[in-house]
Amino acid sequence: MSDKGTSRLEAALENDQVLHVDDPKLLFDHYLNTLPEQGSKTIRTEEAALIPLAALRPKLNPENKPVNIQKSDIDENKEIEHMETNVEEKLEDPLSRFDWTFVL
């Protein structure tokens, strides 16, 4: 069986005589169908890897544009002022901007 399509979870379930399940997400704790409404039974691995990355791209863009600092704006002789901040409070959940739900 050299056909890549036969290695899919869906095909494995269809051909398994012991399992009486037709939905792979019922068998696994984590199952990600990157393109649920694709309209075809096969999708190439390189496509399946790029689809979720494309969906994540807007989440990975910085919230603020980088500041363009000119060398003339920097006073090399001035001491850096230290501000006391509660870092733990600010970084309570630093990855919360990546939270979103996959609908399978």
PDB file of N, CA and C in Angstrom:
ATOM      1  N   MET A   1       0.836  -1.188   0.000  1.00  0.00           N
ATOM      2  CA  MET A   1       0.000   0.000   0.000  1.00  0.00           C
ATOM      3  C   MET A   1       0.874   1.241   0.000  1.00  0.00           C
ATOM      4  N   SER A   2       1.297   1.674  -1.132  1.00  0.00           N
ATOM      5  CA  SER A   2       2.150   2.855  -1.217  1.00  0.00           C
ATOM      6  C   SER A   2       1.342   4.140  -1.346  1.00  0.00           C
ATOM      7  N   ASP A   3       0.045   4.023  -1.497  1.00  0.00           N
ATOM      8  CA  ASP A   3      -0.810   5.200  -1.625  1.00  0.00           C
ATOM      9  C   ASP A   3      -0.825   5.971  -0.309  1.00  0.00           C
ATOM     10  N   LYS A   4      -0.437   7.247  -0.369  1.00  0.00           N
ATOM     11  CA  LYS A   4      -0.389   8.064   0.841  1.00  0.00           C
ATOM     12  C   LYS A   4      -1.772   8.222   1.460  1.00  0.00           C
ATOM     13  N   GLY A   5      -2.801   8.199   0.643  1.00  0.00           N
ATOM     14  CA  GLY A   5      -4.152   8.362   1.157  1.00  0.00           C
ATOM     15  C   GLY A   5      -4.577   7.255   2.096  1.00  0.00           C
ATOM     16  N   THR A   6      -4.034   6.049   1.920  1.00  0.00           N
ATOM     17  CA  THR A   6      -4.438   4.945   2.790  1.00  0.00           C
ATOM     18  C   THR A   6      -3.877   5.069   4.194  1.00  0.00           C
ATOM     19  N   SER A   7      -2.928   5.954   4.422  1.00  0.00           N
ATOM     20  CA  SER A   7      -2.368   6.116   5.762  1.00  0.00           C
ATOM     21  C   SER A   7      -3.155   7.115   6.603  1.00  0.00           C
ATOM     22  N   ARG A   8      -4.151   7.737   6.033  1.00  0.00           N
ATOM     23  CA  ARG A   8      -4.977   8.687   6.786  1.00  0.00           C
ATOM     24  C   ARG A   8      -5.721   7.973   7.910  1.00  0.00           C
ATOM     25  N   LEU A   9      -5.991   8.702   8.946  1.00  0.00           N
ATOM     26  CA  LEU A   9      -6.748   8.147  10.064  1.00  0.00           C
ATOM     27  C   LEU A   9      -8.147   7.729   9.637  1.00  0.00           C
ATOM     28  N   GLU A  10      -8.761   8.540   8.782  1.00  0.00           N
ATOM     29  CA  GLU A  10     -10.107   8.223   8.332  1.00  0.00           C
ATOM     30  C   GLU A  10     -10.130   6.900   7.571  1.00  0.00           C
ATOM     31  N   ALA A  11      -9.159   6.697   6.701  1.00  0.00           N
ATOM     32  CA  ALA A  11      -9.086   5.455   5.929  1.00  0.00           C
ATOM     33  C   ALA A  11      -8.806   4.273   6.843  1.00  0.00           C
ATOM     34  N   ALA A  12      -7.973   4.486   7.862  1.00  0.00           N
ATOM     35  CA  ALA A  12      -7.679   3.407   8.803  1.00  0.00           C
ATOM     36  C   ALA A  12      -8.945   2.986   9.541  1.00  0.00           C
ATOM     37  N   LEU A  13      -9.751   3.946   9.921  1.00  0.00           N
ATOM     38  CA  LEU A  13     -10.999   3.616  10.611  1.00  0.00           C
ATOM     39  C   LEU A  13     -11.979   2.896   9.694  1.00  0.00           C
ATOM     40  N   GLU A  14     -12.034   3.319   8.451  1.00  0.00           N
ATOM     41  CA  GLU A  14     -12.937   2.677   7.499  1.00  0.00           C
ATOM     42  C   GLU A  14     -12.577   1.213   7.285  1.00  0.00           C
ATOM     43  N   ASN A  15     -11.282   0.894   7.340  1.00  0.00           N
ATOM     44  CA  ASN A  15     -10.818  -0.460   7.051  1.00  0.00           C
ATOM     45  C   ASN A  15     -10.623  -1.324   8.292  1.00  0.00           C
ATOM     46  N   ASP A  16     -10.810  -0.777   9.477  1.00  0.00           N
ATOM     47  CA  ASP A  16     -10.629  -1.546  10.709  1.00  0.00           C
ATOM     48  C   ASP A  16     -11.927  -2.273  11.044  1.00  0.00           C
ATOM     49  N   GLN A  17     -11.848  -3.610  11.122  1.00  0.00           N
ATOM     50  CA  GLN A  17     -13.038  -4.421  11.386  1.00  0.00           C
ATOM     51  C   GLN A  17     -13.408  -4.444  12.874  1.00  0.00           C
ATOM     52  N   VAL A  18     -12.456  -4.121  13.751  1.00  0.00           N
ATOM     53  CA  VAL A  18     -12.697  -4.184  15.191  1.00  0.00           C
ATOM     54  C   VAL A  18     -13.318  -2.892  15.715  1.00  0.00           C
ATOM     55  N   LEU A  19     -12.822  -1.773  15.250  1.00  0.00           N
ATOM     56  CA  LEU A  19     -13.332  -0.485  15.727  1.00  0.00           C
ATOM     57  C   LEU A  19     -14.677  -0.178  15.081  1.00  0.00           C
ATOM     58  N   HIS A  20     -15.584   0.273  15.900  1.00  0.00           N
ATOM     59  CA  HIS A  20     -16.901   0.663  15.385  1.00  0.00           C
ATOM     60  C   HIS A  20     -17.073   2.171  15.564  1.00  0.00           C
ATOM     61  N   VAL A  21     -16.083   2.899  15.088  1.00  0.00           N
ATOM     62  CA  VAL A  21     -16.060   4.355  15.192  1.00  0.00           C
ATOM     63  C   VAL A  21     -15.785   4.899  13.808  1.00  0.00           C
ATOM     64  N   ASP A  22     -16.482   5.956  13.438  1.00  0.00           N
ATOM     65  CA  ASP A  22     -16.230   6.540  12.121  1.00  0.00           C
ATOM     66  C   ASP A  22     -15.604   7.932  12.196  1.00  0.00           C
ATOM     67  N   ASP A  23     -15.374   8.416  13.416  1.00  0.00           N
ATOM     68  CA  ASP A  23     -14.788   9.743  13.592  1.00  0.00           C
ATOM     69  C   ASP A  23     -13.485   9.624  14.376  1.00  0.00           C
ATOM     70  N   PRO A  24     -12.325   9.940  13.770  1.00  0.00           N
ATOM     71  CA  PRO A  24     -11.041   9.770  14.456  1.00  0.00           C
ATOM     72  C   PRO A  24     -10.898  10.586  15.733  1.00  0.00           C
ATOM     73  N   LYS A  25     -11.591  11.711  15.848  1.00  0.00           N
ATOM     74  CA  LYS A  25     -11.433  12.519  17.057  1.00  0.00           C
ATOM     75  C   LYS A  25     -12.046  11.851  18.288  1.00  0.00           C
ATOM     76  N   LEU A  26     -12.830  10.799  18.087  1.00  0.00           N
ATOM     77  CA  LEU A  26     -13.351  10.041  19.219  1.00  0.00           C
ATOM     78  C   LEU A  26     -12.291   9.117  19.814  1.00  0.00           C
ATOM     79  N   LEU A  27     -11.226   8.839  19.080  1.00  0.00           N
ATOM     80  CA  LEU A  27     -10.182   7.920  19.528  1.00  0.00           C
ATOM     81  C   LEU A  27      -8.974   8.618  20.129  1.00  0.00           C
ATOM     82  N   PHE A  28      -8.812   9.901  19.886  1.00  0.00           N
ATOM     83  CA  PHE A  28      -7.603  10.607  20.295  1.00  0.00           C
ATOM     84  C   PHE A  28      -7.943  11.791  21.187  1.00  0.00           C
ATOM     85  N   ASP A  29      -7.035  12.075  22.126  1.00  0.00           N
ATOM     86  CA  ASP A  29      -7.220  13.246  22.987  1.00  0.00           C
ATOM     87  C   ASP A  29      -7.059  14.534  22.192  1.00  0.00           C
ATOM     88  N   HIS A  30      -6.146  14.528  21.232  1.00  0.00           N
ATOM     89  CA  HIS A  30      -5.889  15.707  20.411  1.00  0.00           C
ATOM     90  C   HIS A  30      -5.900  15.290  18.949  1.00  0.00           C
ATOM     91  N   TYR A  31      -6.784  15.886  18.201  1.00  0.00           N
ATOM     92  CA  TYR A  31      -6.891  15.605  16.773  1.00  0.00           C
ATOM     93  C   TYR A  31      -7.131  16.928  16.079  1.00  0.00           C
ATOM     94  N   LEU A  32      -6.284  17.272  15.150  1.00  0.00           N
ATOM     95  CA  LEU A  32      -6.404  18.546  14.453  1.00  0.00           C
ATOM     96  C   LEU A  32      -6.627  18.288  12.972  1.00  0.00           C
ATOM     97  N   ASN A  33      -7.792  18.646  12.513  1.00  0.00           N
ATOM     98  CA  ASN A  33      -8.106  18.559  11.097  1.00  0.00           C
ATOM     99  C   ASN A  33      -7.881  19.958  10.537  1.00  0.00           C
ATOM    100  N   THR A  34      -6.772  20.146   9.826  1.00  0.00           N
ATOM    101  CA  THR A  34      -6.384  21.494   9.413  1.00  0.00           C
ATOM    102  C   THR A  34      -7.300  22.103   8.365  1.00  0.00           C
ATOM    103  N   LEU A  35      -8.008  21.301   7.643  1.00  0.00           N
ATOM    104  CA  LEU A  35      -8.904  21.818   6.614  1.00  0.00           C
ATOM    105  C   LEU A  35     -10.157  20.944   6.558  1.00  0.00           C
ATOM    106  N   PRO A  36     -11.072  21.118   7.518  1.00  0.00           N
ATOM    107  CA  PRO A  36     -12.211  20.210   7.638  1.00  0.00           C
ATOM    108  C   PRO A  36     -13.172  20.225   6.450  1.00  0.00           C
ATOM    109  N   GLU A  37     -13.319  21.318   5.773  1.00  0.00           N
ATOM    110  CA  GLU A  37     -14.258  21.404   4.650  1.00  0.00           C
ATOM    111  C   GLU A  37     -13.520  21.439   3.319  1.00  0.00           C
ATOM    112  N   GLN A  38     -12.489  20.633   3.175  1.00  0.00           N
ATOM    113  CA  GLN A  38     -11.642  20.705   1.988  1.00  0.00           C
ATOM    114  C   GLN A  38     -12.316  20.189   0.720  1.00  0.00           C
ATOM    115  N   GLY A  39     -13.283  19.315   0.840  1.00  0.00           N
ATOM    116  CA  GLY A  39     -13.987  18.843  -0.345  1.00  0.00           C
ATOM    117  C   GLY A  39     -13.313  17.696  -1.070  1.00  0.00           C
ATOM    118  N   SER A  40     -12.160  17.258  -0.605  1.00  0.00           N
ATOM    119  CA  SER A  40     -11.511  16.088  -1.201  1.00  0.00           C
ATOM    120  C   SER A  40     -10.997  15.205  -0.077  1.00  0.00           C
ATOM    121  N   LYS A  41     -10.710  13.967  -0.399  1.00  0.00           N
ATOM    122  CA  LYS A  41     -10.265  13.016   0.615  1.00  0.00           C
ATOM    123  C   LYS A  41      -8.779  13.111   0.916  1.00  0.00           C
ATOM    124  N   THR A  42      -7.994  13.726   0.038  1.00  0.00           N
ATOM    125  CA  THR A  42      -6.548  13.757   0.257  1.00  0.00           C
ATOM    126  C   THR A  42      -6.047  15.190   0.334  1.00  0.00           C
ATOM    127  N   ILE A  43      -5.008  15.369   1.096  1.00  0.00           N
ATOM    128  CA  ILE A  43      -4.323  16.649   1.182  1.00  0.00           C
ATOM    129  C   ILE A  43      -2.847  16.335   1.402  1.00  0.00           C
ATOM    130  N   ARG A  44      -1.989  17.015   0.682  1.00  0.00           N
ATOM    131  CA  ARG A  44      -0.555  16.742   0.795  1.00  0.00           C
ATOM    132  C   ARG A  44      -0.030  17.227   2.143  1.00  0.00           C
ATOM    133  N   THR A  45       0.978  16.539   2.657  1.00  0.00           N
ATOM    134  CA  THR A  45       1.539  16.876   3.965  1.00  0.00           C
ATOM    135  C   THR A  45       2.039  18.307   4.011  1.00  0.00           C
ATOM    136  N   GLU A  46       2.717  18.747   2.950  1.00  0.00           N
ATOM    137  CA  GLU A  46       3.235  20.115   2.959  1.00  0.00           C
ATOM    138  C   GLU A  46       2.112  21.147   2.979  1.00  0.00           C
ATOM    139  N   GLU A  47       0.972  20.817   2.400  1.00  0.00           N
ATOM    140  CA  GLU A  47      -0.178  21.715   2.481  1.00  0.00           C
ATOM    141  C   GLU A  47      -0.763  21.698   3.884  1.00  0.00           C
ATOM    142  N   ALA A  48      -0.865  20.508   4.462  1.00  0.00           N
ATOM    143  CA  ALA A  48      -1.442  20.371   5.801  1.00  0.00           C
ATOM    144  C   ALA A  48      -0.606  21.103   6.844  1.00  0.00           C
ATOM    145  N   ALA A  49       0.693  21.214   6.624  1.00  0.00           N
ATOM    146  CA  ALA A  49       1.552  21.929   7.571  1.00  0.00           C
ATOM    147  C   ALA A  49       1.434  23.439   7.398  1.00  0.00           C
ATOM    148  N   LEU A  50       1.250  23.915   6.180  1.00  0.00           N
ATOM    149  CA  LEU A  50       1.203  25.355   5.928  1.00  0.00           C
ATOM    150  C   LEU A  50      -0.143  25.986   6.282  1.00  0.00           C
ATOM    151  N   ILE A  51      -1.213  25.226   6.203  1.00  0.00           N
ATOM    152  CA  ILE A  51      -2.549  25.781   6.461  1.00  0.00           C
ATOM    153  C   ILE A  51      -2.672  26.333   7.881  1.00  0.00           C
ATOM    154  N   PRO A  52      -2.319  25.568   8.928  1.00  0.00           N
ATOM    155  CA  PRO A  52      -2.428  26.159  10.271  1.00  0.00           C
ATOM    156  C   PRO A  52      -1.433  27.295  10.505  1.00  0.00           C
ATOM    157  N   LEU A  53      -0.274  27.240   9.849  1.00  0.00           N
ATOM    158  CA  LEU A  53       0.681  28.342   9.986  1.00  0.00           C
ATOM    159  C   LEU A  53       0.108  29.627   9.401  1.00  0.00           C
ATOM    160  N   ALA A  54      -0.605  29.504   8.289  1.00  0.00           N
ATOM    161  CA  ALA A  54      -1.240  30.681   7.691  1.00  0.00           C
ATOM    162  C   ALA A  54      -2.329  31.227   8.611  1.00  0.00           C
ATOM    163  N   ALA A  55      -3.048  30.336   9.281  1.00  0.00           N
ATOM    164  CA  ALA A  55      -4.087  30.778  10.214  1.00  0.00           C
ATOM    165  C   ALA A  55      -3.480  31.452  11.442  1.00  0.00           C
ATOM    166  N   LEU A  56      -2.280  31.028  11.838  1.00  0.00           N
ATOM    167  CA  LEU A  56      -1.622  31.610  13.007  1.00  0.00           C
ATOM    168  C   LEU A  56      -0.925  32.933  12.711  1.00  0.00           C
ATOM    169  N   ARG A  57      -0.669  33.215  11.458  1.00  0.00           N
ATOM    170  CA  ARG A  57       0.116  34.401  11.104  1.00  0.00           C
ATOM    171  C   ARG A  57      -0.421  35.698  11.713  1.00  0.00           C
ATOM    172  N   PRO A  58      -1.722  35.971  11.638  1.00  0.00           N
ATOM    173  CA  PRO A  58      -2.210  37.216  12.253  1.00  0.00           C
ATOM    174  C   PRO A  58      -1.994  37.243  13.767  1.00  0.00           C
ATOM    175  N   LYS A  59      -2.017  36.093  14.407  1.00  0.00           N
ATOM    176  CA  LYS A  59      -1.804  36.027  15.853  1.00  0.00           C
ATOM    177  C   LYS A  59      -0.350  36.299  16.219  1.00  0.00           C
ATOM    178  N   LEU A  60       0.574  36.029  15.310  1.00  0.00           N
ATOM    179  CA  LEU A  60       1.991  36.186  15.593  1.00  0.00           C
ATOM    180  C   LEU A  60       2.529  37.565  15.226  1.00  0.00           C
ATOM    181  N   ASN A  61       1.718  38.391  14.587  1.00  0.00           N
ATOM    182  CA  ASN A  61       2.151  39.750  14.266  1.00  0.00           C
ATOM    183  C   ASN A  61       2.233  40.569  15.549  1.00  0.00           C
ATOM    184  N   PRO A  62       3.233  41.419  15.687  1.00  0.00           N
ATOM    185  CA  PRO A  62       3.352  42.224  16.907  1.00  0.00           C
ATOM    186  C   PRO A  62       2.184  43.201  17.033  1.00  0.00           C
ATOM    187  N   GLU A  63       1.812  43.488  18.273  1.00  0.00           N
ATOM    188  CA  GLU A  63       0.722  44.430  18.508  1.00  0.00           C
ATOM    189  C   GLU A  63       1.128  45.853  18.149  1.00  0.00           C
ATOM    190  N   ASN A  64       2.391  46.176  18.337  1.00  0.00           N
ATOM    191  CA  ASN A  64       2.892  47.520  18.044  1.00  0.00           C
ATOM    192  C   ASN A  64       4.028  47.425  17.037  1.00  0.00           C
ATOM    193  N   LYS A  65       4.075  48.390  16.175  1.00  0.00           N
ATOM    194  CA  LYS A  65       5.169  48.441  15.201  1.00  0.00           C
ATOM    195  C   LYS A  65       6.472  48.781  15.927  1.00  0.00           C
ATOM    196  N   PRO A  66       7.600  48.262  15.455  1.00  0.00           N
ATOM    197  CA  PRO A  66       8.881  48.616  16.080  1.00  0.00           C
ATOM    198  C   PRO A  66       9.147  50.113  15.955  1.00  0.00           C
ATOM    199  N   VAL A  67       9.742  50.669  16.987  1.00  0.00           N
ATOM    200  CA  VAL A  67      10.065  52.093  16.997  1.00  0.00           C
ATOM    201  C   VAL A  67      11.336  52.306  16.187  1.00  0.00           C
ATOM    202  N   ASN A  68      11.281  53.269  15.302  1.00  0.00           N
ATOM    203  CA  ASN A  68      12.450  53.594  14.495  1.00  0.00           C
ATOM    204  C   ASN A  68      13.245  54.659  15.242  1.00  0.00           C
ATOM    205  N   ILE A  69      14.381  54.276  15.798  1.00  0.00           N
ATOM    206  CA  ILE A  69      15.205  55.197  16.582  1.00  0.00           C
ATOM    207  C   ILE A  69      16.406  55.611  15.749  1.00  0.00           C
ATOM    208  N   GLN A  70      16.546  56.893  15.609  1.00  0.00           N
ATOM    209  CA  GLN A  70      17.702  57.438  14.907  1.00  0.00           C
ATOM    210  C   GLN A  70      18.862  57.563  15.884  1.00  0.00           C
ATOM    211  N   LYS A  71      20.064  57.427  15.396  1.00  0.00           N
ATOM    212  CA  LYS A  71      21.237  57.549  16.269  1.00  0.00           C
ATOM    213  C   LYS A  71      21.261  58.915  16.959  1.00  0.00           C
ATOM    214  N   SER A  72      20.768  59.934  16.313  1.00  0.00           N
ATOM    215  CA  SER A  72      20.759  61.271  16.914  1.00  0.00           C
ATOM    216  C   SER A  72      19.793  61.353  18.094  1.00  0.00           C
ATOM    217  N   ASP A  73      18.831  60.412  18.194  1.00  0.00           N
ATOM    218  CA  ASP A  73      17.871  60.407  19.292  1.00  0.00           C
ATOM    219  C   ASP A  73      18.453  59.816  20.575  1.00  0.00           C
ATOM    220  N   ILE A  74      19.622  59.210  20.493  1.00  0.00           N
ATOM    221  CA  ILE A  74      20.202  58.511  21.636  1.00  0.00           C
ATOM    222  C   ILE A  74      21.288  59.372  22.275  1.00  0.00           C
ATOM    223  N   ASP A  75      21.126  59.616  23.561  1.00  0.00           N
ATOM    224  CA  ASP A  75      22.148  60.329  24.318  1.00  0.00           C
ATOM    225  C   ASP A  75      22.998  59.277  25.018  1.00  0.00           C
ATOM    226  N   GLU A  76      24.166  59.015  24.490  1.00  0.00           N
ATOM    227  CA  GLU A  76      25.001  57.933  24.995  1.00  0.00           C
ATOM    228  C   GLU A  76      25.530  58.206  26.395  1.00  0.00           C
ATOM    229  N   ASN A  77      25.517  59.440  26.836  1.00  0.00           N
ATOM    230  CA  ASN A  77      26.061  59.783  28.149  1.00  0.00           C
ATOM    231  C   ASN A  77      25.009  59.766  29.255  1.00  0.00           C
ATOM    232  N   LYS A  78      23.757  59.647  28.903  1.00  0.00           N
ATOM    233  CA  LYS A  78      22.688  59.679  29.893  1.00  0.00           C
ATOM    234  C   LYS A  78      22.521  58.295  30.520  1.00  0.00           C
ATOM    235  N   GLU A  79      22.345  58.281  31.850  1.00  0.00           N
ATOM    236  CA  GLU A  79      22.126  57.011  32.537  1.00  0.00           C
ATOM    237  C   GLU A  79      20.717  56.508  32.252  1.00  0.00           C
ATOM    238  N   ILE A  80      20.610  55.210  32.213  1.00  0.00           N
ATOM    239  CA  ILE A  80      19.292  54.600  32.001  1.00  0.00           C
ATOM    240  C   ILE A  80      18.526  54.668  33.309  1.00  0.00           C
ATOM    241  N   GLU A  81      17.317  55.198  33.226  1.00  0.00           N
ATOM    242  CA  GLU A  81      16.476  55.277  34.413  1.00  0.00           C
ATOM    243  C   GLU A  81      15.816  53.923  34.627  1.00  0.00           C
ATOM    244  N   HIS A  82      15.879  53.460  35.853  1.00  0.00           N
ATOM    245  CA  HIS A  82      15.274  52.169  36.175  1.00  0.00           C
ATOM    246  C   HIS A  82      13.882  52.398  36.737  1.00  0.00           C
ATOM    247  N   MET A  83      12.948  51.671  36.208  1.00  0.00           N
ATOM    248  CA  MET A  83      11.589  51.746  36.713  1.00  0.00           C
ATOM    249  C   MET A  83      11.281  50.447  37.429  1.00  0.00           C
ATOM    250  N   GLU A  84      10.680  50.571  38.596  1.00  0.00           N
ATOM    251  CA  GLU A  84      10.270  49.363  39.297  1.00  0.00           C
ATOM    252  C   GLU A  84       8.891  48.986  38.789  1.00  0.00           C
ATOM    253  N   THR A  85       8.801  47.778  38.285  1.00  0.00           N
ATOM    254  CA  THR A  85       7.511  47.284  37.804  1.00  0.00           C
ATOM    255  C   THR A  85       7.299  45.889  38.339  1.00  0.00           C
ATOM    256  N   ASN A  86       6.074  45.549  38.463  1.00  0.00           N
ATOM    257  CA  ASN A  86       5.729  44.198  38.883  1.00  0.00           C
ATOM    258  C   ASN A  86       5.660  43.333  37.631  1.00  0.00           C
ATOM    259  N   VAL A  87       6.745  42.674  37.318  1.00  0.00           N
ATOM    260  CA  VAL A  87       6.847  41.893  36.087  1.00  0.00           C
ATOM    261  C   VAL A  87       5.852  40.748  36.086  1.00  0.00           C
ATOM    262  N   GLU A  88       5.677  40.100  37.232  1.00  0.00           N
ATOM    263  CA  GLU A  88       4.754  38.968  37.296  1.00  0.00           C
ATOM    264  C   GLU A  88       3.332  39.401  36.970  1.00  0.00           C
ATOM    265  N   GLU A  89       2.958  40.583  37.423  1.00  0.00           N
ATOM    266  CA  GLU A  89       1.613  41.073  37.151  1.00  0.00           C
ATOM    267  C   GLU A  89       1.425  41.338  35.663  1.00  0.00           C
ATOM    268  N   LYS A  90       2.422  41.924  35.030  1.00  0.00           N
ATOM    269  CA  LYS A  90       2.331  42.228  33.607  1.00  0.00           C
ATOM    270  C   LYS A  90       2.369  40.970  32.751  1.00  0.00           C
ATOM    271  N   LEU A  91       3.101  39.953  33.190  1.00  0.00           N
ATOM    272  CA  LEU A  91       3.260  38.732  32.408  1.00  0.00           C
ATOM    273  C   LEU A  91       2.426  37.596  32.972  1.00  0.00           C
ATOM    274  N   GLU A  92       1.279  37.930  33.529  1.00  0.00           N
ATOM    275  CA  GLU A  92       0.443  36.904  34.132  1.00  0.00           C
ATOM    276  C   GLU A  92       0.147  35.778  33.143  1.00  0.00           C
ATOM    277  N   ASP A  93      -0.247  36.123  31.949  1.00  0.00           N
ATOM    278  CA  ASP A  93      -0.483  35.122  30.912  1.00  0.00           C
ATOM    279  C   ASP A  93       0.049  35.682  29.599  1.00  0.00           C
ATOM    280  N   PRO A  94       1.364  35.619  29.377  1.00  0.00           N
ATOM    281  CA  PRO A  94       1.942  36.263  28.196  1.00  0.00           C
ATOM    282  C   PRO A  94       1.515  35.631  26.876  1.00  0.00           C
ATOM    283  N   LEU A  95       0.998  34.418  26.917  1.00  0.00           N
ATOM    284  CA  LEU A  95       0.600  33.759  25.669  1.00  0.00           C
ATOM    285  C   LEU A  95      -0.896  33.843  25.407  1.00  0.00           C
ATOM    286  N   SER A  96      -1.622  34.610  26.214  1.00  0.00           N
ATOM    287  CA  SER A  96      -3.070  34.673  26.043  1.00  0.00           C
ATOM    288  C   SER A  96      -3.476  35.231  24.685  1.00  0.00           C
ATOM    289  N   ARG A  97      -2.590  36.012  24.057  1.00  0.00           N
ATOM    290  CA  ARG A  97      -2.943  36.542  22.734  1.00  0.00           C
ATOM    291  C   ARG A  97      -2.986  35.446  21.681  1.00  0.00           C
ATOM    292  N   PHE A  98      -2.468  34.243  22.005  1.00  0.00           N
ATOM    293  CA  PHE A  98      -2.507  33.132  21.062  1.00  0.00           C
ATOM    294  C   PHE A  98      -3.705  32.215  21.299  1.00  0.00           C
ATOM    295  N   ASP A  99      -4.532  32.525  22.297  1.00  0.00           N
ATOM    296  CA  ASP A  99      -5.666  31.665  22.620  1.00  0.00           C
ATOM    297  C   ASP A  99      -6.737  31.765  21.551  1.00  0.00           C
ATOM    298  N   TRP A 100      -7.095  30.650  21.024  1.00  0.00           N
ATOM    299  CA  TRP A 100      -8.222  30.549  20.120  1.00  0.00           C
ATOM    300  C   TRP A 100      -8.606  29.095  20.035  1.00  0.00           C
ATOM    301  N   THR A 101      -9.801  28.824  19.629  1.00  0.00           N
ATOM    302  CA  THR A 101     -10.337  27.476  19.669  1.00  0.00           C
ATOM    303  C   THR A 101     -10.449  26.912  18.271  1.00  0.00           C
ATOM    304  N   PHE A 102     -10.016  25.677  18.127  1.00  0.00           N
ATOM    305  CA  PHE A 102     -10.215  24.969  16.870  1.00  0.00           C
ATOM    306  C   PHE A 102     -11.601  24.352  16.890  1.00  0.00           C
ATOM    307  N   VAL A 103     -12.352  24.541  15.850  1.00  0.00           N
ATOM    308  CA  VAL A 103     -13.654  23.910  15.723  1.00  0.00           C
ATOM    309  C   VAL A 103     -13.481  22.737  14.781  1.00  0.00           C
ATOM    310  N   LEU A 104     -13.684  21.558  15.301  1.00  0.00           N
ATOM    311  CA  LEU A 104     -13.497  20.355  14.483  1.00  0.00           C
ATOM    312  C   LEU A 104     -14.813  19.843  13.972  1.00  0.00           C
TER     313      LEU A 104
END
